[in-house]
């Protein structure tokens, strides 16, 4: 497997994440894939890749931002269900998020 690139510390966040599995189109215009490795973020540009690490178990996944959200107070990112499964999320989890260059 190749290198995923350096992580930008200037774009690192930690906080709560949730997963979602419904919707027809994302804010970027793509058809939503609930099993995909994608996510919603309030401000990162569409296409940005971020590493999301579940702080409870250390598992991580690289996802591509293709939607806007989350809209629930206190959350920093919403993952497609497929990405949430990769990191072992059950509902809401505390995560670290870092942009991958």
PDB file of N, CA and C in Angstrom:
ATOM      1  N   UNK A   1       0.851  -1.172   0.000  1.00  0.00           N
ATOM      2  CA  UNK A   1       0.000   0.000   0.000  1.00  0.00           C
ATOM      3  C   UNK A   1       0.891   1.228   0.000  1.00  0.00           C
ATOM      4  N   UNK A   2       0.517   2.236  -0.759  1.00  0.00           N
ATOM      5  CA  UNK A   2       1.307   3.454  -0.862  1.00  0.00           C
ATOM      6  C   UNK A   2       1.076   4.382   0.305  1.00  0.00           C
ATOM      7  N   UNK A   3       1.905   5.400   0.372  1.00  0.00           N
ATOM      8  CA  UNK A   3       1.794   6.408   1.414  1.00  0.00           C
ATOM      9  C   UNK A   3       0.528   7.234   1.203  1.00  0.00           C
ATOM     10  N   UNK A   4      -0.113   7.582   2.290  1.00  0.00           N
ATOM     11  CA  UNK A   4      -1.308   8.419   2.211  1.00  0.00           C
ATOM     12  C   UNK A   4      -0.956   9.894   2.308  1.00  0.00           C
ATOM     13  N   UNK A   5       0.309  10.200   2.481  1.00  0.00           N
ATOM     14  CA  UNK A   5       0.730  11.590   2.530  1.00  0.00           C
ATOM     15  C   UNK A   5       0.852  12.103   3.942  1.00  0.00           C
ATOM     16  N   UNK A   6       1.368  13.300   4.058  1.00  0.00           N
ATOM     17  CA  UNK A   6       1.563  13.929   5.359  1.00  0.00           C
ATOM     18  C   UNK A   6       0.243  14.481   5.875  1.00  0.00           C
ATOM     19  N   UNK A   7       0.116  14.496   7.182  1.00  0.00           N
ATOM     20  CA  UNK A   7      -1.082  15.043   7.812  1.00  0.00           C
ATOM     21  C   UNK A   7      -0.808  16.489   8.186  1.00  0.00           C
ATOM     22  N   UNK A   8      -1.708  17.368   7.845  1.00  0.00           N
ATOM     23  CA  UNK A   8      -1.564  18.788   8.143  1.00  0.00           C
ATOM     24  C   UNK A   8      -2.007  19.066   9.570  1.00  0.00           C
ATOM     25  N   UNK A   9      -1.061  19.493  10.408  1.00  0.00           N
ATOM     26  CA  UNK A   9      -1.423  19.806  11.789  1.00  0.00           C
ATOM     27  C   UNK A   9      -2.223  21.096  11.871  1.00  0.00           C
ATOM     28  N   UNK A  10      -2.113  21.943  10.850  1.00  0.00           N
ATOM     29  CA  UNK A  10      -2.879  23.190  10.841  1.00  0.00           C
ATOM     30  C   UNK A  10      -4.368  22.926  10.671  1.00  0.00           C
ATOM     31  N   UNK A  11      -4.739  21.763  10.171  1.00  0.00           N
ATOM     32  CA  UNK A  11      -6.136  21.436   9.906  1.00  0.00           C
ATOM     33  C   UNK A  11      -6.624  20.305  10.812  1.00  0.00           C
ATOM     34  N   UNK A  12      -6.032  20.126  11.991  1.00  0.00           N
ATOM     35  CA  UNK A  12      -6.428  19.039  12.890  1.00  0.00           C
ATOM     36  C   UNK A  12      -7.544  19.508  13.827  1.00  0.00           C
ATOM     37  N   UNK A  13      -8.482  18.607  14.102  1.00  0.00           N
ATOM     38  CA  UNK A  13      -9.595  18.879  15.018  1.00  0.00           C
ATOM     39  C   UNK A  13      -9.856  17.621  15.828  1.00  0.00           C
ATOM     40  N   UNK A  14     -10.474  17.777  16.973  1.00  0.00           N
ATOM     41  CA  UNK A  14     -11.005  16.619  17.681  1.00  0.00           C
ATOM     42  C   UNK A  14     -12.375  16.998  18.221  1.00  0.00           C
ATOM     43  N   UNK A  15     -13.225  15.997  18.309  1.00  0.00           N
ATOM     44  CA  UNK A  15     -14.585  16.234  18.764  1.00  0.00           C
ATOM     45  C   UNK A  15     -15.454  15.035  18.465  1.00  0.00           C
ATOM     46  N   UNK A  16     -16.745  15.242  18.434  1.00  0.00           N
ATOM     47  CA  UNK A  16     -17.695  14.151  18.228  1.00  0.00           C
ATOM     48  C   UNK A  16     -18.026  13.973  16.752  1.00  0.00           C
ATOM     49  N   UNK A  17     -18.181  12.717  16.386  1.00  0.00           N
ATOM     50  CA  UNK A  17     -18.592  12.361  15.027  1.00  0.00           C
ATOM     51  C   UNK A  17     -19.799  11.446  15.103  1.00  0.00           C
ATOM     52  N   UNK A  18     -20.570  11.446  14.043  1.00  0.00           N
ATOM     53  CA  UNK A  18     -21.677  10.503  13.906  1.00  0.00           C
ATOM     54  C   UNK A  18     -21.645   9.982  12.484  1.00  0.00           C
ATOM     55  N   UNK A  19     -22.467   8.983  12.207  1.00  0.00           N
ATOM     56  CA  UNK A  19     -22.558   8.480  10.836  1.00  0.00           C
ATOM     57  C   UNK A  19     -23.980   8.641  10.347  1.00  0.00           C
ATOM     58  N   UNK A  20     -24.111   8.694   9.041  1.00  0.00           N
ATOM     59  CA  UNK A  20     -25.442   8.824   8.450  1.00  0.00           C
ATOM     60  C   UNK A  20     -25.552   7.909   7.247  1.00  0.00           C
ATOM     61  N   UNK A  21     -26.772   7.500   6.944  1.00  0.00           N
ATOM     62  CA  UNK A  21     -26.969   6.508   5.886  1.00  0.00           C
ATOM     63  C   UNK A  21     -28.106   6.865   4.946  1.00  0.00           C
ATOM     64  N   UNK A  22     -28.639   8.060   5.067  1.00  0.00           N
ATOM     65  CA  UNK A  22     -29.757   8.404   4.196  1.00  0.00           C
ATOM     66  C   UNK A  22     -29.430   9.636   3.374  1.00  0.00           C
ATOM     67  N   UNK A  23     -30.160   9.813   2.329  1.00  0.00           N
ATOM     68  CA  UNK A  23     -29.965  10.966   1.464  1.00  0.00           C
ATOM     69  C   UNK A  23     -29.836  10.525   0.020  1.00  0.00           C
ATOM     70  N   UNK A  24     -30.160  11.409  -0.887  1.00  0.00           N
ATOM     71  CA  UNK A  24     -30.116  11.069  -2.305  1.00  0.00           C
ATOM     72  C   UNK A  24     -28.940  11.727  -2.996  1.00  0.00           C
ATOM     73  N   UNK A  25     -28.724  12.980  -2.728  1.00  0.00           N
ATOM     74  CA  UNK A  25     -27.607  13.725  -3.319  1.00  0.00           C
ATOM     75  C   UNK A  25     -26.872  14.454  -2.196  1.00  0.00           C
ATOM     76  N   UNK A  26     -25.570  14.564  -2.357  1.00  0.00           N
ATOM     77  CA  UNK A  26     -24.780  15.317  -1.390  1.00  0.00           C
ATOM     78  C   UNK A  26     -24.757  16.788  -1.804  1.00  0.00           C
ATOM     79  N   UNK A  27     -24.242  17.628  -0.943  1.00  0.00           N
ATOM     80  CA  UNK A  27     -24.143  19.055  -1.259  1.00  0.00           C
ATOM     81  C   UNK A  27     -23.229  19.311  -2.452  1.00  0.00           C
ATOM     82  N   UNK A  28     -22.318  18.369  -2.739  1.00  0.00           N
ATOM     83  CA  UNK A  28     -21.427  18.519  -3.896  1.00  0.00           C
ATOM     84  C   UNK A  28     -22.086  18.045  -5.185  1.00  0.00           C
ATOM     85  N   UNK A  29     -23.300  17.481  -5.078  1.00  0.00           N
ATOM     86  CA  UNK A  29     -24.029  17.017  -6.255  1.00  0.00           C
ATOM     87  C   UNK A  29     -23.881  15.541  -6.550  1.00  0.00           C
ATOM     88  N   UNK A  30     -23.037  14.846  -5.783  1.00  0.00           N
ATOM     89  CA  UNK A  30     -22.859  13.406  -5.987  1.00  0.00           C
ATOM     90  C   UNK A  30     -24.048  12.636  -5.429  1.00  0.00           C
ATOM     91  N   UNK A  31     -24.270  11.451  -5.986  1.00  0.00           N
ATOM     92  CA  UNK A  31     -25.257  10.543  -5.396  1.00  0.00           C
ATOM     93  C   UNK A  31     -24.649   9.995  -4.107  1.00  0.00           C
ATOM     94  N   UNK A  32     -25.397  10.058  -3.010  1.00  0.00           N
ATOM     95  CA  UNK A  32     -24.897   9.584  -1.719  1.00  0.00           C
ATOM     96  C   UNK A  32     -24.763   8.071  -1.723  1.00  0.00           C
ATOM     97  N   UNK A  33     -23.617   7.576  -1.264  1.00  0.00           N
ATOM     98  CA  UNK A  33     -23.367   6.142  -1.124  1.00  0.00           C
ATOM     99  C   UNK A  33     -23.190   5.854   0.361  1.00  0.00           C
ATOM    100  N   UNK A  34     -24.177   5.250   1.018  1.00  0.00           N
ATOM    101  CA  UNK A  34     -24.072   5.020   2.459  1.00  0.00           C
ATOM    102  C   UNK A  34     -22.921   4.097   2.839  1.00  0.00           C
ATOM    103  N   UNK A  35     -22.452   3.283   1.907  1.00  0.00           N
ATOM    104  CA  UNK A  35     -21.351   2.372   2.202  1.00  0.00           C
ATOM    105  C   UNK A  35     -19.999   2.937   1.788  1.00  0.00           C
ATOM    106  N   UNK A  36     -19.972   4.175   1.341  1.00  0.00           N
ATOM    107  CA  UNK A  36     -18.744   4.791   0.855  1.00  0.00           C
ATOM    108  C   UNK A  36     -17.838   5.294   1.964  1.00  0.00           C
ATOM    109  N   UNK A  37     -16.649   5.712   1.556  1.00  0.00           N
ATOM    110  CA  UNK A  37     -15.676   6.301   2.477  1.00  0.00           C
ATOM    111  C   UNK A  37     -15.674   7.814   2.249  1.00  0.00           C
ATOM    112  N   UNK A  38     -16.809   8.417   2.602  1.00  0.00           N
ATOM    113  CA  UNK A  38     -17.007   9.848   2.414  1.00  0.00           C
ATOM    114  C   UNK A  38     -17.534  10.453   3.708  1.00  0.00           C
ATOM    115  N   UNK A  39     -17.568  11.796   3.740  1.00  0.00           N
ATOM    116  CA  UNK A  39     -17.999  12.468   4.964  1.00  0.00           C
ATOM    117  C   UNK A  39     -18.535  13.855   4.656  1.00  0.00           C
ATOM    118  N   UNK A  40     -19.249  14.397   5.645  1.00  0.00           N
ATOM    119  CA  UNK A  40     -19.755  15.766   5.593  1.00  0.00           C
ATOM    120  C   UNK A  40     -18.987  16.603   6.605  1.00  0.00           C
ATOM    121  N   UNK A  41     -18.562  17.789   6.178  1.00  0.00           N
ATOM    122  CA  UNK A  41     -17.859  18.733   7.054  1.00  0.00           C
ATOM    123  C   UNK A  41     -18.401  20.125   6.754  1.00  0.00           C
ATOM    124  N   UNK A  42     -18.433  20.976   7.755  1.00  0.00           N
ATOM    125  CA  UNK A  42     -19.025  22.304   7.573  1.00  0.00           C
ATOM    126  C   UNK A  42     -18.232  23.209   6.642  1.00  0.00           C
ATOM    127  N   UNK A  43     -16.901  23.121   6.657  1.00  0.00           N
ATOM    128  CA  UNK A  43     -16.124  24.137   5.939  1.00  0.00           C
ATOM    129  C   UNK A  43     -15.024  23.620   5.022  1.00  0.00           C
ATOM    130  N   UNK A  44     -14.567  22.395   5.178  1.00  0.00           N
ATOM    131  CA  UNK A  44     -13.490  21.911   4.309  1.00  0.00           C
ATOM    132  C   UNK A  44     -13.983  21.819   2.868  1.00  0.00           C
ATOM    133  N   UNK A  45     -13.133  22.143   1.910  1.00  0.00           N
ATOM    134  CA  UNK A  45     -13.545  22.080   0.501  1.00  0.00           C
ATOM    135  C   UNK A  45     -13.916  20.656   0.077  1.00  0.00           C
ATOM    136  N   UNK A  46     -14.878  20.551  -0.827  1.00  0.00           N
ATOM    137  CA  UNK A  46     -15.219  19.244  -1.389  1.00  0.00           C
ATOM    138  C   UNK A  46     -13.966  18.644  -2.017  1.00  0.00           C
ATOM    139  N   UNK A  47     -13.797  17.342  -1.828  1.00  0.00           N
ATOM    140  CA  UNK A  47     -12.631  16.651  -2.368  1.00  0.00           C
ATOM    141  C   UNK A  47     -11.481  16.535  -1.386  1.00  0.00           C
ATOM    142  N   UNK A  48     -11.521  17.299  -0.288  1.00  0.00           N
ATOM    143  CA  UNK A  48     -10.464  17.208   0.722  1.00  0.00           C
ATOM    144  C   UNK A  48     -10.490  15.815   1.342  1.00  0.00           C
ATOM    145  N   UNK A  49      -9.305  15.225   1.507  1.00  0.00           N
ATOM    146  CA  UNK A  49      -9.204  13.923   2.171  1.00  0.00           C
ATOM    147  C   UNK A  49      -8.763  14.148   3.610  1.00  0.00           C
ATOM    148  N   UNK A  50      -9.459  13.504   4.531  1.00  0.00           N
ATOM    149  CA  UNK A  50      -9.117  13.613   5.948  1.00  0.00           C
ATOM    150  C   UNK A  50      -9.016  12.227   6.568  1.00  0.00           C
ATOM    151  N   UNK A  51      -8.100  12.112   7.517  1.00  0.00           N
ATOM    152  CA  UNK A  51      -8.001  10.881   8.311  1.00  0.00           C
ATOM    153  C   UNK A  51      -8.832  11.093   9.565  1.00  0.00           C
ATOM    154  N   UNK A  52      -9.760  10.170   9.814  1.00  0.00           N
ATOM    155  CA  UNK A  52     -10.617  10.213  10.996  1.00  0.00           C
ATOM    156  C   UNK A  52     -10.222   9.038  11.878  1.00  0.00           C
ATOM    157  N   UNK A  53      -9.844   9.328  13.125  1.00  0.00           N
ATOM    158  CA  UNK A  53      -9.401   8.291  14.057  1.00  0.00           C
ATOM    159  C   UNK A  53     -10.358   8.218  15.231  1.00  0.00           C
ATOM    160  N   UNK A  54     -10.893   7.027  15.469  1.00  0.00           N
ATOM    161  CA  UNK A  54     -11.758   6.780  16.618  1.00  0.00           C
ATOM    162  C   UNK A  54     -10.861   6.764  17.852  1.00  0.00           C
ATOM    163  N   UNK A  55     -11.037   7.714  18.758  1.00  0.00           N
ATOM    164  CA  UNK A  55     -10.157   7.825  19.912  1.00  0.00           C
ATOM    165  C   UNK A  55     -10.377   6.724  20.936  1.00  0.00           C
ATOM    166  N   UNK A  56     -11.482   6.003  20.854  1.00  0.00           N
ATOM    167  CA  UNK A  56     -11.741   4.915  21.797  1.00  0.00           C
ATOM    168  C   UNK A  56     -10.966   3.651  21.453  1.00  0.00           C
ATOM    169  N   UNK A  57     -10.716   3.422  20.143  1.00  0.00           N
ATOM    170  CA  UNK A  57     -10.054   2.167  19.761  1.00  0.00           C
ATOM    171  C   UNK A  57      -8.837   2.353  18.855  1.00  0.00           C
ATOM    172  N   UNK A  58      -8.541   3.581  18.448  1.00  0.00           N
ATOM    173  CA  UNK A  58      -7.372   3.855  17.619  1.00  0.00           C
ATOM    174  C   UNK A  58      -7.526   3.537  16.142  1.00  0.00           C
ATOM    175  N   UNK A  59      -8.676   3.022  15.734  1.00  0.00           N
ATOM    176  CA  UNK A  59      -8.884   2.689  14.323  1.00  0.00           C
ATOM    177  C   UNK A  59      -9.121   3.959  13.518  1.00  0.00           C
ATOM    178  N   UNK A  60      -8.576   3.987  12.282  1.00  0.00           N
ATOM    179  CA  UNK A  60      -8.731   5.182  11.461  1.00  0.00           C
ATOM    180  C   UNK A  60      -9.111   4.825  10.034  1.00  0.00           C
ATOM    181  N   UNK A  61      -9.628   5.834   9.341  1.00  0.00           N
ATOM    182  CA  UNK A  61     -10.030   5.693   7.946  1.00  0.00           C
ATOM    183  C   UNK A  61      -9.792   7.039   7.262  1.00  0.00           C
ATOM    184  N   UNK A  62      -9.407   6.986   5.992  1.00  0.00           N
ATOM    185  CA  UNK A  62      -9.291   8.210   5.204  1.00  0.00           C
ATOM    186  C   UNK A  62     -10.565   8.347   4.387  1.00  0.00           C
ATOM    187  N   UNK A  63     -11.220   9.499   4.521  1.00  0.00           N
ATOM    188  CA  UNK A  63     -12.472   9.765   3.810  1.00  0.00           C
ATOM    189  C   UNK A  63     -12.320  11.023   2.966  1.00  0.00           C
ATOM    190  N   UNK A  64     -13.196  11.157   1.996  1.00  0.00           N
ATOM    191  CA  UNK A  64     -13.229  12.327   1.121  1.00  0.00           C
ATOM    192  C   UNK A  64     -14.462  13.154   1.474  1.00  0.00           C
ATOM    193  N   UNK A  65     -14.272  14.452   1.652  1.00  0.00           N
ATOM    194  CA  UNK A  65     -15.387  15.347   1.969  1.00  0.00           C
ATOM    195  C   UNK A  65     -16.205  15.589   0.699  1.00  0.00           C
ATOM    196  N   UNK A  66     -17.501  15.227   0.760  1.00  0.00           N
ATOM    197  CA  UNK A  66     -18.377  15.441  -0.397  1.00  0.00           C
ATOM    198  C   UNK A  66     -19.750  15.986  -0.005  1.00  0.00           C
ATOM    199  N   UNK A  67     -19.888  16.382   1.272  1.00  0.00           N
ATOM    200  CA  UNK A  67     -21.187  16.853   1.737  1.00  0.00           C
ATOM    201  C   UNK A  67     -20.982  17.909   2.819  1.00  0.00           C
ATOM    202  N   UNK A  68     -22.042  18.595   3.193  1.00  0.00           N
ATOM    203  CA  UNK A  68     -22.005  19.604   4.246  1.00  0.00           C
ATOM    204  C   UNK A  68     -22.734  19.093   5.478  1.00  0.00           C
ATOM    205  N   UNK A  69     -22.276  19.499   6.619  1.00  0.00           N
ATOM    206  CA  UNK A  69     -22.801  19.077   7.901  1.00  0.00           C
ATOM    207  C   UNK A  69     -21.609  18.897   8.833  1.00  0.00           C
ATOM    208  N   UNK A  70     -21.782  18.356   9.978  1.00  0.00           N
ATOM    209  CA  UNK A  70     -23.035  17.900  10.561  1.00  0.00           C
ATOM    210  C   UNK A  70     -23.869  19.078  11.065  1.00  0.00           C
ATOM    211  N   UNK A  71     -25.129  18.811  11.243  1.00  0.00           N
ATOM    212  CA  UNK A  71     -26.042  19.842  11.700  1.00  0.00           C
ATOM    213  C   UNK A  71     -26.471  19.632  13.144  1.00  0.00           C
ATOM    214  N   UNK A  72     -25.947  18.599  13.800  1.00  0.00           N
ATOM    215  CA  UNK A  72     -26.213  18.360  15.221  1.00  0.00           C
ATOM    216  C   UNK A  72     -25.178  19.127  16.045  1.00  0.00           C
ATOM    217  N   UNK A  73     -25.620  19.820  17.058  1.00  0.00           N
ATOM    218  CA  UNK A  73     -24.743  20.625  17.909  1.00  0.00           C
ATOM    219  C   UNK A  73     -23.621  19.768  18.508  1.00  0.00           C
ATOM    220  N   UNK A  74     -22.418  20.291  18.481  1.00  0.00           N
ATOM    221  CA  UNK A  74     -21.292  19.630  19.133  1.00  0.00           C
ATOM    222  C   UNK A  74     -20.564  18.600  18.295  1.00  0.00           C
ATOM    223  N   UNK A  75     -20.997  18.374  17.070  1.00  0.00           N
ATOM    224  CA  UNK A  75     -20.329  17.387  16.218  1.00  0.00           C
ATOM    225  C   UNK A  75     -19.473  18.096  15.181  1.00  0.00           C
ATOM    226  N   UNK A  76     -18.342  17.473  14.830  1.00  0.00           N
ATOM    227  CA  UNK A  76     -17.422  18.108  13.889  1.00  0.00           C
ATOM    228  C   UNK A  76     -17.412  17.457  12.514  1.00  0.00           C
ATOM    229  N   UNK A  77     -17.915  16.226  12.404  1.00  0.00           N
ATOM    230  CA  UNK A  77     -17.922  15.525  11.121  1.00  0.00           C
ATOM    231  C   UNK A  77     -19.010  14.459  11.145  1.00  0.00           C
ATOM    232  N   UNK A  78     -19.620  14.220   9.995  1.00  0.00           N
ATOM    233  CA  UNK A  78     -20.562  13.112   9.804  1.00  0.00           C
ATOM    234  C   UNK A  78     -19.945  12.174   8.779  1.00  0.00           C
ATOM    235  N   UNK A  79     -19.840  10.910   9.119  1.00  0.00           N
ATOM    236  CA  UNK A  79     -19.278   9.914   8.217  1.00  0.00           C
ATOM    237  C   UNK A  79     -20.378   9.132   7.529  1.00  0.00           C
ATOM    238  N   UNK A  80     -20.136   8.737   6.283  1.00  0.00           N
ATOM    239  CA  UNK A  80     -21.026   7.765   5.654  1.00  0.00           C
ATOM    240  C   UNK A  80     -20.951   6.488   6.496  1.00  0.00           C
ATOM    241  N   UNK A  81     -22.019   5.737   6.530  1.00  0.00           N
ATOM    242  CA  UNK A  81     -22.097   4.528   7.353  1.00  0.00           C
ATOM    243  C   UNK A  81     -20.904   3.605   7.126  1.00  0.00           C
ATOM    244  N   UNK A  82     -20.473   3.450   5.866  1.00  0.00           N
ATOM    245  CA  UNK A  82     -19.341   2.570   5.554  1.00  0.00           C
ATOM    246  C   UNK A  82     -18.068   2.996   6.257  1.00  0.00           C
ATOM    247  N   UNK A  83     -17.810   4.292   6.304  1.00  0.00           N
ATOM    248  CA  UNK A  83     -16.617   4.799   6.985  1.00  0.00           C
ATOM    249  C   UNK A  83     -16.737   4.607   8.495  1.00  0.00           C
ATOM    250  N   UNK A  84     -17.926   4.813   9.027  1.00  0.00           N
ATOM    251  CA  UNK A  84     -18.145   4.593  10.451  1.00  0.00           C
ATOM    252  C   UNK A  84     -17.893   3.153  10.854  1.00  0.00           C
ATOM    253  N   UNK A  85     -18.281   2.226   9.997  1.00  0.00           N
ATOM    254  CA  UNK A  85     -18.044   0.804  10.278  1.00  0.00           C
ATOM    255  C   UNK A  85     -16.553   0.489  10.324  1.00  0.00           C
ATOM    256  N   UNK A  86     -15.785   1.093   9.403  1.00  0.00           N
ATOM    257  CA  UNK A  86     -14.342   0.829   9.350  1.00  0.00           C
ATOM    258  C   UNK A  86     -13.672   1.170  10.680  1.00  0.00           C
ATOM    259  N   UNK A  87     -14.106   2.257  11.311  1.00  0.00           N
ATOM    260  CA  UNK A  87     -13.460   2.654  12.567  1.00  0.00           C
ATOM    261  C   UNK A  87     -14.216   2.167  13.803  1.00  0.00           C
ATOM    262  N   UNK A  88     -15.200   1.312  13.602  1.00  0.00           N
ATOM    263  CA  UNK A  88     -15.901   0.696  14.726  1.00  0.00           C
ATOM    264  C   UNK A  88     -16.809   1.634  15.486  1.00  0.00           C
ATOM    265  N   UNK A  89     -17.442   2.568  14.777  1.00  0.00           N
ATOM    266  CA  UNK A  89     -18.358   3.505  15.433  1.00  0.00           C
ATOM    267  C   UNK A  89     -19.705   2.852  15.695  1.00  0.00           C
ATOM    268  N   UNK A  90     -20.241   3.142  16.854  1.00  0.00           N
ATOM    269  CA  UNK A  90     -21.603   2.776  17.215  1.00  0.00           C
ATOM    270  C   UNK A  90     -22.294   4.059  17.632  1.00  0.00           C
ATOM    271  N   UNK A  91     -23.020   4.684  16.722  1.00  0.00           N
ATOM    272  CA  UNK A  91     -23.655   5.957  17.055  1.00  0.00           C
ATOM    273  C   UNK A  91     -22.667   7.098  17.010  1.00  0.00           C
ATOM    274  N   UNK A  92     -22.506   7.796  18.131  1.00  0.00           N
ATOM    275  CA  UNK A  92     -21.605   8.947  18.220  1.00  0.00           C
ATOM    276  C   UNK A  92     -20.297   8.499  18.856  1.00  0.00           C
ATOM    277  N   UNK A  93     -19.173   8.995  18.323  1.00  0.00           N
ATOM    278  CA  UNK A  93     -17.856   8.644  18.864  1.00  0.00           C
ATOM    279  C   UNK A  93     -16.981   9.884  18.915  1.00  0.00           C
ATOM    280  N   UNK A  94     -16.040   9.882  19.829  1.00  0.00           N
ATOM    281  CA  UNK A  94     -15.040  10.955  19.893  1.00  0.00           C
ATOM    282  C   UNK A  94     -13.935  10.603  18.907  1.00  0.00           C
ATOM    283  N   UNK A  95     -13.609  11.550  18.026  1.00  0.00           N
ATOM    284  CA  UNK A  95     -12.637  11.294  16.965  1.00  0.00           C
ATOM    285  C   UNK A  95     -11.629  12.432  16.862  1.00  0.00           C
ATOM    286  N   UNK A  96     -10.514  12.117  16.202  1.00  0.00           N
ATOM    287  CA  UNK A  96      -9.550  13.125  15.764  1.00  0.00           C
ATOM    288  C   UNK A  96      -9.654  13.176  14.251  1.00  0.00           C
ATOM    289  N   UNK A  97      -9.638  14.377  13.702  1.00  0.00           N
ATOM    290  CA  UNK A  97      -9.753  14.579  12.255  1.00  0.00           C
ATOM    291  C   UNK A  97      -8.555  15.403  11.807  1.00  0.00           C
ATOM    292  N   UNK A  98      -7.863  14.927  10.766  1.00  0.00           N
ATOM    293  CA  UNK A  98      -6.713  15.668  10.240  1.00  0.00           C
ATOM    294  C   UNK A  98      -6.720  15.598   8.725  1.00  0.00           C
ATOM    295  N   UNK A  99      -6.479  16.725   8.091  1.00  0.00           N
ATOM    296  CA  UNK A  99      -6.398  16.776   6.628  1.00  0.00           C
ATOM    297  C   UNK A  99      -5.164  16.003   6.184  1.00  0.00           C
ATOM    298  N   UNK A 100      -5.334  15.188   5.139  1.00  0.00           N
ATOM    299  CA  UNK A 100      -4.229  14.439   4.549  1.00  0.00           C
ATOM    300  C   UNK A 100      -3.825  15.174   3.281  1.00  0.00           C
ATOM    301  N   UNK A 101      -2.562  15.574   3.197  1.00  0.00           N
ATOM    302  CA  UNK A 101      -2.071  16.305   2.017  1.00  0.00           C
ATOM    303  C   UNK A 101      -1.816  15.374   0.854  1.00  0.00           C
TER     304      UNK A 101
END
